[in-house]
Amino acid sequence: MTANGRANEVTSDSFRDPRVVKIQNEVAQEYGMKRETMLFRGKSAGKVEARRAAMIRCRAELGLSTLEIGRAFNVHHTTVMHHLAKADKTWDTVSVTVRHRRHNLTLADARAMISRMARQMRDQALLIEQQAEQIEKLAQV
């Protein structure tokens, strides 16, 4: 039993939809574990990542609701919502290296950074062009 009084085991509800079981088996195999191990309520990074991947696939491929996915994985539907939201954030994040520093940015922030850098480069090019004109004038004198 866990602190909230729920069993750590997989319930029979988890085995009802064969499409879900198939996805769970495939994901567990990809992560090098048994389906039962993946569904066990442990919080090791590998198990959590495998469960998240299986939940995402159930949502994307089967169109299941968070409530249905929760029943299939023996978790509360808000846990499923958390996993799906975290996956969305991960997919919408890009890693950018600027001046030897790594930044994890949302796509919108990355676009804004690129636009800002493009403006700076245009401004620098304009400044260089003006300086080149001044040098030409001085060279003519």
N, C-alpha and C. Protein backbone atom coordinates (compact mmCIF):
# COMPACT_ATOMS: atom_id res chain seq x y z
N MET A 1 0.84 -1.19 0.00
CA MET A 1 0.00 0.00 0.00
C MET A 1 0.88 1.25 0.00
N THR A 2 0.39 2.29 -0.67
CA THR A 2 1.10 3.56 -0.68
C THR A 2 0.60 4.42 0.46
N ALA A 3 1.18 5.60 0.60
CA ALA A 3 0.80 6.51 1.68
C ALA A 3 -0.67 6.90 1.59
N ASN A 4 -1.22 6.97 0.36
CA ASN A 4 -2.62 7.37 0.24
C ASN A 4 -3.57 6.18 0.30
N GLY A 5 -3.05 5.00 0.63
CA GLY A 5 -3.89 3.83 0.83
C GLY A 5 -4.22 3.06 -0.42
N ARG A 6 -3.64 3.42 -1.57
CA ARG A 6 -3.93 2.70 -2.81
C ARG A 6 -2.93 1.58 -3.00
N ALA A 7 -3.36 0.54 -3.62
CA ALA A 7 -2.49 -0.62 -3.84
C ALA A 7 -1.44 -0.30 -4.89
N ASN A 8 -0.25 -0.89 -4.74
CA ASN A 8 0.82 -0.71 -5.70
C ASN A 8 0.68 -1.64 -6.90
N GLU A 9 -0.29 -2.50 -6.89
CA GLU A 9 -0.40 -3.51 -7.92
C GLU A 9 -1.26 -3.02 -9.07
N VAL A 10 -1.12 -3.72 -10.19
CA VAL A 10 -1.96 -3.45 -11.35
C VAL A 10 -3.30 -4.12 -11.11
N THR A 11 -4.38 -3.38 -11.30
CA THR A 11 -5.70 -3.97 -11.09
C THR A 11 -6.19 -4.64 -12.37
N SER A 12 -7.26 -5.39 -12.25
CA SER A 12 -7.80 -6.08 -13.41
C SER A 12 -8.33 -5.09 -14.45
N ASP A 13 -8.70 -3.86 -14.04
CA ASP A 13 -9.17 -2.85 -14.99
C ASP A 13 -8.11 -2.55 -16.04
N SER A 14 -6.85 -2.72 -15.70
CA SER A 14 -5.76 -2.41 -16.62
C SER A 14 -5.72 -3.34 -17.81
N PHE A 15 -6.36 -4.51 -17.70
CA PHE A 15 -6.22 -5.53 -18.73
C PHE A 15 -7.41 -5.55 -19.70
N ARG A 16 -8.35 -4.66 -19.58
CA ARG A 16 -9.60 -4.77 -20.33
C ARG A 16 -9.47 -4.45 -21.82
N ASP A 17 -8.80 -3.40 -22.20
CA ASP A 17 -8.74 -2.99 -23.61
C ASP A 17 -7.49 -3.58 -24.25
N PRO A 18 -7.64 -4.52 -25.17
CA PRO A 18 -6.48 -5.17 -25.77
C PRO A 18 -5.59 -4.21 -26.55
N ARG A 19 -6.16 -3.13 -27.08
CA ARG A 19 -5.34 -2.14 -27.80
C ARG A 19 -4.38 -1.44 -26.84
N VAL A 20 -4.87 -1.15 -25.64
CA VAL A 20 -4.03 -0.51 -24.63
C VAL A 20 -2.94 -1.48 -24.17
N VAL A 21 -3.33 -2.71 -23.93
CA VAL A 21 -2.37 -3.73 -23.50
C VAL A 21 -1.26 -3.88 -24.54
N LYS A 22 -1.64 -3.86 -25.82
CA LYS A 22 -0.65 -3.97 -26.90
C LYS A 22 0.34 -2.81 -26.84
N ILE A 23 -0.17 -1.60 -26.69
CA ILE A 23 0.71 -0.43 -26.59
C ILE A 23 1.60 -0.53 -25.36
N GLN A 24 1.02 -0.91 -24.23
CA GLN A 24 1.81 -1.04 -23.00
C GLN A 24 2.92 -2.06 -23.18
N ASN A 25 2.61 -3.20 -23.81
CA ASN A 25 3.63 -4.23 -24.05
C ASN A 25 4.74 -3.72 -24.97
N GLU A 26 4.35 -3.02 -26.04
CA GLU A 26 5.34 -2.50 -26.99
C GLU A 26 6.27 -1.49 -26.33
N VAL A 27 5.70 -0.57 -25.57
CA VAL A 27 6.51 0.46 -24.90
C VAL A 27 7.41 -0.17 -23.85
N ALA A 28 6.86 -1.08 -23.07
CA ALA A 28 7.67 -1.76 -22.04
C ALA A 28 8.85 -2.46 -22.69
N GLN A 29 8.61 -3.12 -23.81
CA GLN A 29 9.69 -3.81 -24.52
C GLN A 29 10.74 -2.81 -25.02
N GLU A 30 10.29 -1.67 -25.55
CA GLU A 30 11.22 -0.63 -26.01
C GLU A 30 12.12 -0.15 -24.87
N TYR A 31 11.56 -0.09 -23.67
CA TYR A 31 12.31 0.40 -22.52
C TYR A 31 13.01 -0.74 -21.76
N GLY A 32 12.92 -1.95 -22.29
CA GLY A 32 13.64 -3.08 -21.70
C GLY A 32 13.09 -3.56 -20.38
N MET A 33 11.77 -3.55 -20.25
CA MET A 33 11.16 -4.04 -19.01
C MET A 33 9.87 -4.77 -19.34
N LYS A 34 9.33 -5.45 -18.34
CA LYS A 34 8.05 -6.12 -18.51
C LYS A 34 6.94 -5.09 -18.32
N ARG A 35 5.80 -5.40 -18.90
CA ARG A 35 4.64 -4.51 -18.79
C ARG A 35 4.27 -4.29 -17.32
N GLU A 36 4.28 -5.37 -16.54
CA GLU A 36 3.92 -5.27 -15.12
C GLU A 36 4.89 -4.35 -14.37
N THR A 37 6.17 -4.42 -14.74
CA THR A 37 7.17 -3.56 -14.11
C THR A 37 6.89 -2.11 -14.44
N MET A 38 6.55 -1.85 -15.70
CA MET A 38 6.26 -0.47 -16.13
C MET A 38 5.04 0.07 -15.40
N LEU A 39 4.03 -0.77 -15.20
CA LEU A 39 2.79 -0.31 -14.58
C LEU A 39 2.87 -0.23 -13.06
N PHE A 40 3.85 -0.89 -12.47
CA PHE A 40 4.02 -0.81 -11.02
C PHE A 40 4.27 0.64 -10.64
N ARG A 41 3.72 1.10 -9.55
CA ARG A 41 3.70 2.52 -9.22
C ARG A 41 5.03 3.08 -8.73
N GLY A 42 6.14 2.48 -9.12
CA GLY A 42 7.44 3.01 -8.73
C GLY A 42 7.73 4.32 -9.44
N LYS A 43 8.65 5.09 -8.90
CA LYS A 43 8.94 6.40 -9.46
C LYS A 43 10.34 6.51 -10.04
N SER A 44 10.95 5.39 -10.39
CA SER A 44 12.27 5.48 -11.01
C SER A 44 12.10 6.11 -12.39
N ALA A 45 13.13 6.83 -12.82
CA ALA A 45 13.04 7.60 -14.06
C ALA A 45 12.64 6.74 -15.25
N GLY A 46 13.19 5.54 -15.33
CA GLY A 46 12.88 4.66 -16.46
C GLY A 46 11.42 4.26 -16.51
N LYS A 47 10.87 3.90 -15.34
CA LYS A 47 9.46 3.50 -15.29
C LYS A 47 8.54 4.68 -15.62
N VAL A 48 8.85 5.82 -15.06
CA VAL A 48 8.02 7.01 -15.29
C VAL A 48 8.03 7.39 -16.76
N GLU A 49 9.22 7.38 -17.36
CA GLU A 49 9.34 7.74 -18.77
C GLU A 49 8.61 6.74 -19.65
N ALA A 50 8.70 5.45 -19.33
CA ALA A 50 8.00 4.42 -20.10
C ALA A 50 6.49 4.60 -19.97
N ARG A 51 6.01 4.82 -18.76
CA ARG A 51 4.56 5.04 -18.57
C ARG A 51 4.09 6.26 -19.35
N ARG A 52 4.88 7.34 -19.28
CA ARG A 52 4.51 8.56 -20.00
C ARG A 52 4.43 8.28 -21.50
N ALA A 53 5.41 7.57 -22.03
CA ALA A 53 5.41 7.26 -23.47
C ALA A 53 4.18 6.44 -23.84
N ALA A 54 3.84 5.47 -23.01
CA ALA A 54 2.67 4.63 -23.28
C ALA A 54 1.38 5.45 -23.20
N MET A 55 1.29 6.35 -22.22
CA MET A 55 0.10 7.19 -22.09
C MET A 55 -0.05 8.10 -23.31
N ILE A 56 1.07 8.66 -23.76
CA ILE A 56 1.04 9.54 -24.93
C ILE A 56 0.56 8.77 -26.16
N ARG A 57 1.07 7.56 -26.32
CA ARG A 57 0.65 6.74 -27.46
C ARG A 57 -0.83 6.40 -27.38
N CYS A 58 -1.32 6.08 -26.18
CA CYS A 58 -2.74 5.77 -26.02
C CYS A 58 -3.60 6.97 -26.40
N ARG A 59 -3.15 8.14 -26.03
CA ARG A 59 -3.89 9.36 -26.36
C ARG A 59 -3.85 9.62 -27.87
N ALA A 60 -2.65 9.53 -28.45
CA ALA A 60 -2.47 9.87 -29.86
C ALA A 60 -3.07 8.81 -30.79
N GLU A 61 -2.82 7.55 -30.51
CA GLU A 61 -3.22 6.49 -31.43
C GLU A 61 -4.65 6.01 -31.22
N LEU A 62 -5.11 6.02 -29.98
CA LEU A 62 -6.43 5.48 -29.68
C LEU A 62 -7.45 6.57 -29.38
N GLY A 63 -6.97 7.79 -29.14
CA GLY A 63 -7.87 8.89 -28.84
C GLY A 63 -8.59 8.74 -27.51
N LEU A 64 -7.97 8.03 -26.57
CA LEU A 64 -8.60 7.81 -25.27
C LEU A 64 -8.60 9.09 -24.44
N SER A 65 -9.61 9.23 -23.60
CA SER A 65 -9.66 10.38 -22.69
C SER A 65 -8.67 10.16 -21.55
N THR A 66 -8.41 11.22 -20.80
CA THR A 66 -7.50 11.07 -19.66
C THR A 66 -8.09 10.13 -18.62
N LEU A 67 -9.40 10.11 -18.49
CA LEU A 67 -10.05 9.20 -17.55
C LEU A 67 -9.85 7.75 -17.98
N GLU A 68 -10.01 7.47 -19.27
CA GLU A 68 -9.83 6.11 -19.77
C GLU A 68 -8.37 5.66 -19.64
N ILE A 69 -7.45 6.57 -19.95
CA ILE A 69 -6.02 6.24 -19.82
C ILE A 69 -5.69 5.99 -18.35
N GLY A 70 -6.23 6.82 -17.47
CA GLY A 70 -6.00 6.64 -16.04
C GLY A 70 -6.46 5.27 -15.56
N ARG A 71 -7.62 4.84 -16.03
CA ARG A 71 -8.13 3.51 -15.65
C ARG A 71 -7.20 2.42 -16.16
N ALA A 72 -6.72 2.60 -17.40
CA ALA A 72 -5.86 1.58 -18.00
C ALA A 72 -4.51 1.47 -17.29
N PHE A 73 -4.06 2.58 -16.71
CA PHE A 73 -2.75 2.59 -16.05
C PHE A 73 -2.88 2.60 -14.52
N ASN A 74 -4.11 2.51 -14.02
CA ASN A 74 -4.36 2.49 -12.59
C ASN A 74 -3.83 3.74 -11.88
N VAL A 75 -4.06 4.89 -12.52
CA VAL A 75 -3.68 6.17 -11.93
C VAL A 75 -4.86 7.13 -12.07
N HIS A 76 -4.84 8.18 -11.30
CA HIS A 76 -5.87 9.21 -11.37
C HIS A 76 -5.73 9.96 -12.69
N HIS A 77 -6.87 10.43 -13.24
CA HIS A 77 -6.81 11.10 -14.54
C HIS A 77 -5.97 12.38 -14.50
N THR A 78 -5.84 13.01 -13.33
CA THR A 78 -5.00 14.21 -13.25
C THR A 78 -3.52 13.86 -13.40
N THR A 79 -3.15 12.65 -13.01
CA THR A 79 -1.78 12.18 -13.23
C THR A 79 -1.52 12.06 -14.73
N VAL A 80 -2.50 11.54 -15.45
CA VAL A 80 -2.39 11.44 -16.90
C VAL A 80 -2.27 12.85 -17.51
N MET A 81 -3.09 13.76 -17.03
CA MET A 81 -3.02 15.15 -17.52
C MET A 81 -1.63 15.73 -17.31
N HIS A 82 -1.05 15.47 -16.15
CA HIS A 82 0.30 15.95 -15.85
C HIS A 82 1.31 15.38 -16.84
N HIS A 83 1.24 14.07 -17.09
CA HIS A 83 2.17 13.44 -18.03
C HIS A 83 2.02 14.02 -19.43
N LEU A 84 0.78 14.20 -19.87
CA LEU A 84 0.55 14.74 -21.21
C LEU A 84 1.02 16.19 -21.31
N ALA A 85 0.78 16.99 -20.27
CA ALA A 85 1.22 18.38 -20.28
C ALA A 85 2.73 18.47 -20.28
N LYS A 86 3.36 17.62 -19.49
CA LYS A 86 4.83 17.62 -19.45
C LYS A 86 5.40 17.25 -20.81
N ALA A 87 4.77 16.29 -21.47
CA ALA A 87 5.23 15.90 -22.81
C ALA A 87 5.07 17.05 -23.78
N ASP A 88 3.94 17.78 -23.70
CA ASP A 88 3.75 18.94 -24.58
C ASP A 88 4.82 19.98 -24.36
N LYS A 89 5.15 20.24 -23.10
CA LYS A 89 6.20 21.23 -22.80
C LYS A 89 7.54 20.78 -23.36
N THR A 90 7.81 19.50 -23.23
CA THR A 90 9.07 18.96 -23.73
C THR A 90 9.15 19.10 -25.24
N TRP A 91 8.05 18.80 -25.93
CA TRP A 91 8.05 18.89 -27.39
C TRP A 91 8.12 20.32 -27.86
N ASP A 92 7.63 21.26 -27.06
CA ASP A 92 7.64 22.66 -27.45
C ASP A 92 8.90 23.38 -26.99
N THR A 93 9.89 22.64 -26.53
CA THR A 93 11.12 23.24 -26.03
C THR A 93 12.26 22.91 -26.97
N VAL A 94 13.12 23.89 -27.17
CA VAL A 94 14.28 23.68 -28.02
C VAL A 94 15.52 24.09 -27.22
N SER A 95 16.60 23.37 -27.44
CA SER A 95 17.84 23.68 -26.76
C SER A 95 18.71 24.50 -27.70
N VAL A 96 19.15 25.66 -27.24
CA VAL A 96 19.91 26.59 -28.08
C VAL A 96 21.21 26.93 -27.37
N THR A 97 22.30 26.96 -28.12
CA THR A 97 23.58 27.39 -27.55
C THR A 97 23.91 28.77 -28.10
N VAL A 98 24.06 29.73 -27.19
CA VAL A 98 24.41 31.09 -27.56
C VAL A 98 25.60 31.51 -26.73
N ARG A 99 26.67 31.92 -27.42
CA ARG A 99 27.89 32.35 -26.73
C ARG A 99 28.36 31.31 -25.71
N HIS A 100 28.39 30.07 -26.14
CA HIS A 100 28.89 28.95 -25.35
C HIS A 100 28.04 28.65 -24.11
N ARG A 101 26.81 29.16 -24.06
CA ARG A 101 25.90 28.84 -22.96
C ARG A 101 24.66 28.17 -23.53
N ARG A 102 24.23 27.11 -22.87
CA ARG A 102 23.08 26.35 -23.33
C ARG A 102 21.80 26.89 -22.69
N HIS A 103 20.78 27.09 -23.51
CA HIS A 103 19.49 27.60 -23.04
C HIS A 103 18.39 26.65 -23.50
N ASN A 104 17.46 26.31 -22.62
CA ASN A 104 16.27 25.56 -23.00
C ASN A 104 15.13 26.56 -23.11
N LEU A 105 14.63 26.75 -24.32
CA LEU A 105 13.62 27.76 -24.58
C LEU A 105 12.38 27.14 -25.20
N THR A 106 11.25 27.79 -24.98
CA THR A 106 10.05 27.39 -25.72
C THR A 106 10.27 27.83 -27.16
N LEU A 107 9.50 27.27 -28.07
CA LEU A 107 9.65 27.64 -29.47
C LEU A 107 9.39 29.13 -29.68
N ALA A 108 8.41 29.68 -28.97
CA ALA A 108 8.11 31.11 -29.10
C ALA A 108 9.30 31.95 -28.64
N ASP A 109 9.92 31.57 -27.51
CA ASP A 109 11.08 32.30 -27.02
C ASP A 109 12.26 32.16 -27.97
N ALA A 110 12.43 30.97 -28.56
CA ALA A 110 13.52 30.76 -29.51
C ALA A 110 13.32 31.63 -30.75
N ARG A 111 12.09 31.70 -31.23
CA ARG A 111 11.79 32.56 -32.38
C ARG A 111 12.08 34.01 -32.05
N ALA A 112 11.67 34.45 -30.87
CA ALA A 112 11.92 35.84 -30.45
C ALA A 112 13.42 36.11 -30.37
N MET A 113 14.18 35.14 -29.83
CA MET A 113 15.63 35.30 -29.73
C MET A 113 16.25 35.40 -31.12
N ILE A 114 15.80 34.57 -32.04
CA ILE A 114 16.34 34.60 -33.39
C ILE A 114 16.00 35.93 -34.07
N SER A 115 14.78 36.42 -33.89
CA SER A 115 14.40 37.71 -34.46
C SER A 115 15.25 38.84 -33.89
N ARG A 116 15.46 38.80 -32.58
CA ARG A 116 16.29 39.82 -31.92
C ARG A 116 17.72 39.78 -32.45
N MET A 117 18.27 38.57 -32.59
CA MET A 117 19.63 38.44 -33.10
C MET A 117 19.71 38.90 -34.56
N ALA A 118 18.67 38.62 -35.35
CA ALA A 118 18.66 39.06 -36.75
C ALA A 118 18.64 40.58 -36.83
N ARG A 119 17.84 41.23 -35.96
CA ARG A 119 17.82 42.71 -35.91
C ARG A 119 19.19 43.25 -35.54
N GLN A 120 19.82 42.63 -34.54
CA GLN A 120 21.15 43.08 -34.13
C GLN A 120 22.15 42.94 -35.27
N MET A 121 22.07 41.83 -36.00
CA MET A 121 22.98 41.63 -37.12
C MET A 121 22.74 42.65 -38.23
N ARG A 122 21.46 42.99 -38.51
CA ARG A 122 21.15 44.02 -39.51
C ARG A 122 21.71 45.37 -39.07
N ASP A 123 21.51 45.68 -37.78
CA ASP A 123 22.03 46.95 -37.25
C ASP A 123 23.55 47.00 -37.36
N GLN A 124 24.22 45.88 -37.05
CA GLN A 124 25.68 45.84 -37.15
C GLN A 124 26.13 45.98 -38.60
N ALA A 125 25.41 45.34 -39.51
CA ALA A 125 25.76 45.45 -40.94
C ALA A 125 25.60 46.88 -41.42
N LEU A 126 24.55 47.56 -40.98
CA LEU A 126 24.33 48.96 -41.34
C LEU A 126 25.46 49.83 -40.80
N LEU A 127 25.85 49.60 -39.56
CA LEU A 127 26.93 50.34 -38.93
C LEU A 127 28.25 50.12 -39.69
N ILE A 128 28.53 48.89 -40.05
CA ILE A 128 29.76 48.58 -40.80
C ILE A 128 29.74 49.29 -42.15
N GLU A 129 28.57 49.30 -42.80
CA GLU A 129 28.45 49.98 -44.09
C GLU A 129 28.72 51.47 -43.94
N GLN A 130 28.17 52.09 -42.89
CA GLN A 130 28.40 53.51 -42.64
C GLN A 130 29.88 53.79 -42.36
N GLN A 131 30.50 52.92 -41.58
CA GLN A 131 31.92 53.10 -41.28
C GLN A 131 32.77 52.94 -42.54
N ALA A 132 32.39 52.02 -43.41
CA ALA A 132 33.12 51.82 -44.66
C ALA A 132 33.02 53.07 -45.53
N GLU A 133 31.85 53.69 -45.57
CA GLU A 133 31.67 54.93 -46.33
C GLU A 133 32.55 56.04 -45.77
N GLN A 134 32.62 56.15 -44.45
CA GLN A 134 33.46 57.17 -43.81
C GLN A 134 34.93 56.93 -44.13
N ILE A 135 35.36 55.70 -44.11
CA ILE A 135 36.76 55.37 -44.44
C ILE A 135 37.05 55.73 -45.88
N GLU A 136 36.12 55.48 -46.80
CA GLU A 136 36.33 55.84 -48.20
C GLU A 136 36.47 57.36 -48.36
N LYS A 137 35.62 58.11 -47.64
CA LYS A 137 35.71 59.57 -47.72
C LYS A 137 37.06 60.04 -47.19
N LEU A 138 37.52 59.47 -46.08
CA LEU A 138 38.80 59.88 -45.50
C LEU A 138 39.95 59.49 -46.43
N ALA A 139 39.81 58.39 -47.12
CA ALA A 139 40.88 57.94 -48.03
C ALA A 139 40.97 58.86 -49.24
N GLN A 140 39.88 59.49 -49.63
CA GLN A 140 39.89 60.39 -50.78
C GLN A 140 40.53 61.72 -50.46
N VAL A 141 40.55 62.09 -49.21
CA VAL A 141 41.13 63.39 -48.82
C VAL A 141 42.61 63.37 -48.81
